[in-house]
Amino acid sequence: MTIGSVVFELDIDSAFSLKEKRRVLNSLKTRLKNKFNVAVAEVGEKDVWNRADL
């Protein structure tokens, strides 16, 4: 079993609300899971609408 850890810091310029940020992140997490079969979690500040740490 292989275990790894990576943190991606994303600037989401197209998001102007938490709802738009959630839409972008859900799409990205779904694509990563389908293509690479990995688990993805948001680990950073959840109240900032234009930044995300995955």
PDB file of N, CA and C in Angstrom:
ATOM      1  N   MET A   1       0.847  -1.173   0.000  1.00  0.00           N
ATOM      2  CA  MET A   1       0.000   0.000   0.000  1.00  0.00           C
ATOM      3  C   MET A   1       0.892   1.235   0.000  1.00  0.00           C
ATOM      4  N   THR A   2       0.579   2.167  -0.880  1.00  0.00           N
ATOM      5  CA  THR A   2       1.332   3.408  -0.992  1.00  0.00           C
ATOM      6  C   THR A   2       0.530   4.545  -0.373  1.00  0.00           C
ATOM      7  N   ILE A   3       1.208   5.326   0.465  1.00  0.00           N
ATOM      8  CA  ILE A   3       0.559   6.467   1.115  1.00  0.00           C
ATOM      9  C   ILE A   3       1.383   7.712   0.819  1.00  0.00           C
ATOM     10  N   GLY A   4       0.722   8.782   0.449  1.00  0.00           N
ATOM     11  CA  GLY A   4       1.401  10.044   0.175  1.00  0.00           C
ATOM     12  C   GLY A   4       0.546  11.202   0.641  1.00  0.00           C
ATOM     13  N   SER A   5       1.196  12.336   0.787  1.00  0.00           N
ATOM     14  CA  SER A   5       0.473  13.528   1.226  1.00  0.00           C
ATOM     15  C   SER A   5       0.988  14.733   0.448  1.00  0.00           C
ATOM     16  N   VAL A   6       0.058  15.513  -0.086  1.00  0.00           N
ATOM     17  CA  VAL A   6       0.386  16.715  -0.849  1.00  0.00           C
ATOM     18  C   VAL A   6      -0.617  17.793  -0.467  1.00  0.00           C
ATOM     19  N   VAL A   7      -0.166  19.026  -0.358  1.00  0.00           N
ATOM     20  CA  VAL A   7      -1.080  20.144  -0.106  1.00  0.00           C
ATOM     21  C   VAL A   7      -0.989  21.096  -1.293  1.00  0.00           C
ATOM     22  N   PHE A   8      -2.142  21.352  -1.937  1.00  0.00           N
ATOM     23  CA  PHE A   8      -2.227  22.301  -3.032  1.00  0.00           C
ATOM     24  C   PHE A   8      -2.892  23.567  -2.514  1.00  0.00           C
ATOM     25  N   GLU A   9      -2.246  24.712  -2.731  1.00  0.00           N
ATOM     26  CA  GLU A   9      -2.834  26.000  -2.375  1.00  0.00           C
ATOM     27  C   GLU A   9      -3.399  26.611  -3.650  1.00  0.00           C
ATOM     28  N   LEU A  10      -4.709  26.789  -3.694  1.00  0.00           N
ATOM     29  CA  LEU A  10      -5.379  27.265  -4.897  1.00  0.00           C
ATOM     30  C   LEU A  10      -5.932  28.665  -4.701  1.00  0.00           C
ATOM     31  N   ASP A  11      -5.750  29.518  -5.701  1.00  0.00           N
ATOM     32  CA  ASP A  11      -6.430  30.810  -5.768  1.00  0.00           C
ATOM     33  C   ASP A  11      -7.551  30.655  -6.783  1.00  0.00           C
ATOM     34  N   ILE A  12      -8.778  30.830  -6.347  1.00  0.00           N
ATOM     35  CA  ILE A  12      -9.941  30.640  -7.208  1.00  0.00           C
ATOM     36  C   ILE A  12     -10.454  32.023  -7.600  1.00  0.00           C
ATOM     37  N   ASP A  13      -9.959  32.531  -8.724  1.00  0.00           N
ATOM     38  CA  ASP A  13     -10.313  33.880  -9.159  1.00  0.00           C
ATOM     39  C   ASP A  13     -11.751  33.988  -9.645  1.00  0.00           C
ATOM     40  N   SER A  14     -12.328  32.891 -10.099  1.00  0.00           N
ATOM     41  CA  SER A  14     -13.687  32.942 -10.644  1.00  0.00           C
ATOM     42  C   SER A  14     -14.763  32.862  -9.562  1.00  0.00           C
ATOM     43  N   ALA A  15     -14.370  32.632  -8.317  1.00  0.00           N
ATOM     44  CA  ALA A  15     -15.347  32.498  -7.227  1.00  0.00           C
ATOM     45  C   ALA A  15     -15.505  33.828  -6.492  1.00  0.00           C
ATOM     46  N   PHE A  16     -16.764  34.250  -6.359  1.00  0.00           N
ATOM     47  CA  PHE A  16     -17.060  35.482  -5.632  1.00  0.00           C
ATOM     48  C   PHE A  16     -17.941  35.228  -4.420  1.00  0.00           C
ATOM     49  N   SER A  17     -18.161  33.940  -4.101  1.00  0.00           N
ATOM     50  CA  SER A  17     -18.927  33.572  -2.913  1.00  0.00           C
ATOM     51  C   SER A  17     -18.499  32.169  -2.492  1.00  0.00           C
ATOM     52  N   LEU A  18     -18.882  31.783  -1.283  1.00  0.00           N
ATOM     53  CA  LEU A  18     -18.562  30.433  -0.810  1.00  0.00           C
ATOM     54  C   LEU A  18     -19.264  29.371  -1.648  1.00  0.00           C
ATOM     55  N   LYS A  19     -20.447  29.703  -2.159  1.00  0.00           N
ATOM     56  CA  LYS A  19     -21.195  28.759  -2.996  1.00  0.00           C
ATOM     57  C   LYS A  19     -20.450  28.476  -4.306  1.00  0.00           C
ATOM     58  N   GLU A  20     -19.896  29.506  -4.931  1.00  0.00           N
ATOM     59  CA  GLU A  20     -19.121  29.324  -6.161  1.00  0.00           C
ATOM     60  C   GLU A  20     -17.833  28.563  -5.880  1.00  0.00           C
ATOM     61  N   LYS A  21     -17.191  28.854  -4.749  1.00  0.00           N
ATOM     62  CA  LYS A  21     -15.979  28.131  -4.363  1.00  0.00           C
ATOM     63  C   LYS A  21     -16.284  26.651  -4.187  1.00  0.00           C
ATOM     64  N   ARG A  22     -17.377  26.332  -3.524  1.00  0.00           N
ATOM     65  CA  ARG A  22     -17.772  24.946  -3.294  1.00  0.00           C
ATOM     66  C   ARG A  22     -18.035  24.220  -4.615  1.00  0.00           C
ATOM     67  N   ARG A  23     -18.659  24.921  -5.578  1.00  0.00           N
ATOM     68  CA  ARG A  23     -18.939  24.326  -6.887  1.00  0.00           C
ATOM     69  C   ARG A  23     -17.640  23.978  -7.616  1.00  0.00           C
ATOM     70  N   VAL A  24     -16.668  24.888  -7.596  1.00  0.00           N
ATOM     71  CA  VAL A  24     -15.380  24.655  -8.250  1.00  0.00           C
ATOM     72  C   VAL A  24     -14.639  23.502  -7.577  1.00  0.00           C
ATOM     73  N   LEU A  25     -14.594  23.500  -6.243  1.00  0.00           N
ATOM     74  CA  LEU A  25     -13.864  22.460  -5.517  1.00  0.00           C
ATOM     75  C   LEU A  25     -14.508  21.090  -5.678  1.00  0.00           C
ATOM     76  N   ASN A  26     -15.836  21.018  -5.659  1.00  0.00           N
ATOM     77  CA  ASN A  26     -16.502  19.727  -5.848  1.00  0.00           C
ATOM     78  C   ASN A  26     -16.211  19.160  -7.225  1.00  0.00           C
ATOM     79  N   SER A  27     -16.201  20.002  -8.238  1.00  0.00           N
ATOM     80  CA  SER A  27     -15.878  19.555  -9.591  1.00  0.00           C
ATOM     81  C   SER A  27     -14.441  19.037  -9.656  1.00  0.00           C
ATOM     82  N   LEU A  28     -13.513  19.778  -9.060  1.00  0.00           N
ATOM     83  CA  LEU A  28     -12.105  19.373  -9.069  1.00  0.00           C
ATOM     84  C   LEU A  28     -11.894  18.069  -8.306  1.00  0.00           C
ATOM     85  N   LYS A  29     -12.516  17.944  -7.133  1.00  0.00           N
ATOM     86  CA  LYS A  29     -12.372  16.719  -6.334  1.00  0.00           C
ATOM     87  C   LYS A  29     -12.941  15.510  -7.064  1.00  0.00           C
ATOM     88  N   THR A  30     -14.063  15.683  -7.740  1.00  0.00           N
ATOM     89  CA  THR A  30     -14.665  14.577  -8.493  1.00  0.00           C
ATOM     90  C   THR A  30     -13.768  14.149  -9.644  1.00  0.00           C
ATOM     91  N   ARG A  31     -13.220  15.111 -10.376  1.00  0.00           N
ATOM     92  CA  ARG A  31     -12.331  14.775 -11.496  1.00  0.00           C
ATOM     93  C   ARG A  31     -11.068  14.076 -11.018  1.00  0.00           C
ATOM     94  N   LEU A  32     -10.486  14.527  -9.901  1.00  0.00           N
ATOM     95  CA  LEU A  32      -9.284  13.876  -9.365  1.00  0.00           C
ATOM     96  C   LEU A  32      -9.580  12.448  -8.918  1.00  0.00           C
ATOM     97  N   LYS A  33     -10.723  12.255  -8.265  1.00  0.00           N
ATOM     98  CA  LYS A  33     -11.083  10.916  -7.803  1.00  0.00           C
ATOM     99  C   LYS A  33     -11.316   9.974  -8.974  1.00  0.00           C
ATOM    100  N   ASN A  34     -12.011  10.442 -10.015  1.00  0.00           N
ATOM    101  CA  ASN A  34     -12.293   9.594 -11.168  1.00  0.00           C
ATOM    102  C   ASN A  34     -11.041   9.260 -11.969  1.00  0.00           C
ATOM    103  N   LYS A  35     -10.139  10.215 -12.120  1.00  0.00           N
ATOM    104  CA  LYS A  35      -8.952   9.999 -12.954  1.00  0.00           C
ATOM    105  C   LYS A  35      -7.841   9.258 -12.221  1.00  0.00           C
ATOM    106  N   PHE A  36      -7.600   9.600 -10.945  1.00  0.00           N
ATOM    107  CA  PHE A  36      -6.454   9.054 -10.220  1.00  0.00           C
ATOM    108  C   PHE A  36      -6.832   8.162  -9.043  1.00  0.00           C
ATOM    109  N   ASN A  37      -8.123   8.039  -8.724  1.00  0.00           N
ATOM    110  CA  ASN A  37      -8.598   7.229  -7.599  1.00  0.00           C
ATOM    111  C   ASN A  37      -7.918   7.633  -6.286  1.00  0.00           C
ATOM    112  N   VAL A  38      -7.993   8.917  -5.972  1.00  0.00           N
ATOM    113  CA  VAL A  38      -7.391   9.450  -4.749  1.00  0.00           C
ATOM    114  C   VAL A  38      -8.472  10.082  -3.876  1.00  0.00           C
ATOM    115  N   ALA A  39      -8.191  10.171  -2.597  1.00  0.00           N
ATOM    116  CA  ALA A  39      -9.074  10.868  -1.660  1.00  0.00           C
ATOM    117  C   ALA A  39      -8.580  12.307  -1.527  1.00  0.00           C
ATOM    118  N   VAL A  40      -9.501  13.260  -1.567  1.00  0.00           N
ATOM    119  CA  VAL A  40      -9.159  14.678  -1.507  1.00  0.00           C
ATOM    120  C   VAL A  40      -9.985  15.323  -0.400  1.00  0.00           C
ATOM    121  N   ALA A  41      -9.334  16.183   0.397  1.00  0.00           N
ATOM    122  CA  ALA A  41     -10.040  16.892   1.469  1.00  0.00           C
ATOM    123  C   ALA A  41      -9.586  18.344   1.495  1.00  0.00           C
ATOM    124  N   GLU A  42     -10.503  19.238   1.832  1.00  0.00           N
ATOM    125  CA  GLU A  42     -10.157  20.640   2.021  1.00  0.00           C
ATOM    126  C   GLU A  42      -9.640  20.805   3.444  1.00  0.00           C
ATOM    127  N   VAL A  43      -8.402  21.296   3.587  1.00  0.00           N
ATOM    128  CA  VAL A  43      -7.775  21.338   4.904  1.00  0.00           C
ATOM    129  C   VAL A  43      -7.504  22.754   5.398  1.00  0.00           C
ATOM    130  N   GLY A  44      -7.657  23.744   4.557  1.00  0.00           N
ATOM    131  CA  GLY A  44      -7.332  25.110   4.955  1.00  0.00           C
ATOM    132  C   GLY A  44      -8.537  25.869   5.464  1.00  0.00           C
ATOM    133  N   GLU A  45      -8.448  27.190   5.362  1.00  0.00           N
ATOM    134  CA  GLU A  45      -9.539  28.066   5.787  1.00  0.00           C
ATOM    135  C   GLU A  45     -10.756  27.834   4.904  1.00  0.00           C
ATOM    136  N   LYS A  46     -11.864  27.536   5.516  1.00  0.00           N
ATOM    137  CA  LYS A  46     -13.076  27.240   4.751  1.00  0.00           C
ATOM    138  C   LYS A  46     -13.971  28.461   4.574  1.00  0.00           C
ATOM    139  N   ASP A  47     -13.686  29.554   5.272  1.00  0.00           N
ATOM    140  CA  ASP A  47     -14.529  30.745   5.195  1.00  0.00           C
ATOM    141  C   ASP A  47     -14.021  31.781   4.200  1.00  0.00           C
ATOM    142  N   VAL A  48     -12.867  31.543   3.601  1.00  0.00           N
ATOM    143  CA  VAL A  48     -12.320  32.467   2.608  1.00  0.00           C
ATOM    144  C   VAL A  48     -12.793  32.010   1.237  1.00  0.00           C
ATOM    145  N   TRP A  49     -13.498  32.863   0.503  1.00  0.00           N
ATOM    146  CA  TRP A  49     -14.172  32.435  -0.718  1.00  0.00           C
ATOM    147  C   TRP A  49     -13.274  32.336  -1.935  1.00  0.00           C
ATOM    148  N   ASN A  50     -12.060  32.901  -1.924  1.00  0.00           N
ATOM    149  CA  ASN A  50     -11.223  32.844  -3.120  1.00  0.00           C
ATOM    150  C   ASN A  50      -9.927  32.053  -2.924  1.00  0.00           C
ATOM    151  N   ARG A  51      -9.783  31.343  -1.820  1.00  0.00           N
ATOM    152  CA  ARG A  51      -8.605  30.507  -1.575  1.00  0.00           C
ATOM    153  C   ARG A  51      -9.040  29.157  -1.053  1.00  0.00           C
ATOM    154  N   ALA A  52      -8.244  28.131  -1.396  1.00  0.00           N
ATOM    155  CA  ALA A  52      -8.534  26.789  -0.899  1.00  0.00           C
ATOM    156  C   ALA A  52      -7.234  26.020  -0.772  1.00  0.00           C
ATOM    157  N   ASP A  53      -7.154  25.183   0.236  1.00  0.00           N
ATOM    158  CA  ASP A  53      -6.036  24.260   0.424  1.00  0.00           C
ATOM    159  C   ASP A  53      -6.604  22.856   0.358  1.00  0.00           C
ATOM    160  N   LEU A  54      -6.132  22.086  -0.616  1.00  0.00           N
ATOM    161  CA  LEU A  54      -6.586  20.701  -0.772  1.00  0.00           C
ATOM    162  C   LEU A  54      -5.445  19.772  -0.447  1.00  0.00           C
TER     163      LEU A  54
END
